[in-house]
Amino acid sequence: MRLTRTAGLDAFAAVAIGAAVLAVFGNAFLNYDSFYALAWGDELAHGHAPSYELPVAPTPHPLAVLAGATASPLGDNAEFVLVAAVLLALGALCVGLFRLGQELFAWPVGALAAAIVATRVPFLDFGLRGYVDLPAVALVVWAAVLEARRPRRGAAVLALLALAGLLRPEAWLLSAAYWLWLLPAHREVRARIRFAALAATAPLLWALADLLVTGDPLWSLNGTSDLAEDLGRRTGLGAVPSVLPDRLGEILRLPELIAAVLGFAAALVWMRRRALLPTALLALNGLTFLVFAVAGLPLLGRYLFLSSAVLALFAAVAVFGWWGLDPAHRARGPWRIAGTALLAVVLAFFTVQVDRLSLLRDTLDAQGRVHHDLRELADQPRARELLGRCRPAYVTTATLIPSLAYWTDSRPGQVRSARLEMPSRGGVFVAPANADAEALSRLDEREPGREVTGPPPGFRQVERNRSWVLYAGCPS
């Protein structure tokens, strides 16, 4: 009963955090990658193979596509449900960090770590845009909580890592490492085989999904590498020394990074056994980042969300780690004084963080307005009739493809980027009504193709709102 009560409190706290984030920022909508998962899931729900092979399409994540297929029958509400699920995952991540800090060090450590993550712009930004990275990190953190509560627990931890591995491949290495960690405590051959099967579940299912859809079990790997090259993103092992600290600094900011280094050092000196689990997570996530570099994959900041969460935990250790020492421990007093001073520094710099949070809200307001205007345009009776009859639809940036396809009951292949394929006749054309809408909707400054701002000759204006214009090039 106590365990059930604790789980209920944790679930309530996760929901409350997600709801609070939505209430504060007001705007939440699916990003390009996650909207593709919804559009692909809709294809799957209607008995079609997901169209993974479209130009400039993002990496497919099997569990996200399955979630899209599950949500797609909800129609217009599916987007909100998926965003709400990711915001719930953000809340679960914060609660999981609290529990991990409580289990390993002391409850104030967990509370401060959760507070740091809950106020970092990248975590909030990606939560409000529905990125799959946050559910993956939340699953890994909760796997660590289960392991902290009962070392070498086994199947439950591997199950959570397998789910995370169907969203992000970084979890594959965690599963393999955890299987090796289990071997000394489980010498029975059957147990080892069972755990190995669980550890291999995510990469095998991912490869199987790619094989069934595209005929290439390594489609996601090759496609991600090709897209990184098309978008001019930084790749390669040589970029890691400069990219890694920059990415971590963008997420946590300098005061918390310095505190994390101090907390890590203090934990290794006075709490070494307790620090082993988060240190392993940090090292394995860093190793995965290096593997991505060698494989030619983009070195994006969100691939380091797990490391950032762990570093937030160590930053909290620097401030409150003394709480977990024996009252008679000789380091407790000096650590408490140093931790209090460090907390004062972190709080002093929080005013800068408030400005960044305010800027995030303004950005989300502007991008949300453009996003909702496109949906409003697609819902106009005349526009809906044309978009359903007069195909294909052309857009000025690939960002619009999955959302416009889903809102008009089309398949993503029926919406095309005019940057890559300018229409010669027929079809409809959706263009930004002004420069602001164009800038706020662009996939990437280095998106491949030619610059396009309007339709070719022969297209006539049919519908318009403050952000978008719909042109038709087929008979009325």
Foldseek 3Di string as FASTA:
>chain_A
DVVVVVVVVLLVQLLVLLVVLCVVLVAFWAFLQLLLLLLQLCCVLVPHQRPQPDPLHAFDQVVSNVLSVVLLVVAPCSGVVLLSVLSSLLSLQLSLQQLLLCLLFNNLLSNQLSVLQSLWLVSSLCSRNRQLLSNLLSLQSNLLSVCSVPPLPADVSLQSLLSSLSRPVLSLLVLVVSLVVNCVVDVDPVSSVVSVCSSCNSLVVQLVSCCVRPVGSCCSLVVQLVSCVLQVADAALVCCVVLVVVLLCSGRNDLLLVLLVQLLVVCCVPVVVSCVSLVVQLVSLVVVLNVRRHSNGGNHSSSCPNNSSSSSSSSSCQQPSLVRDDPPDPVSVVSNVRSVVSVVVVVVCCVVSVVVVVVSSVLSVLLSVLVVVLLVQCPPPVNLVQPQPWWQEEEQALRCQSVSCSSSVHRSVGYYYCQAPADPAIHKYKAWPDPSLVVSRHPHPSNHGDGDGDHDPQWAWDDDDNTMTMTGRDDD
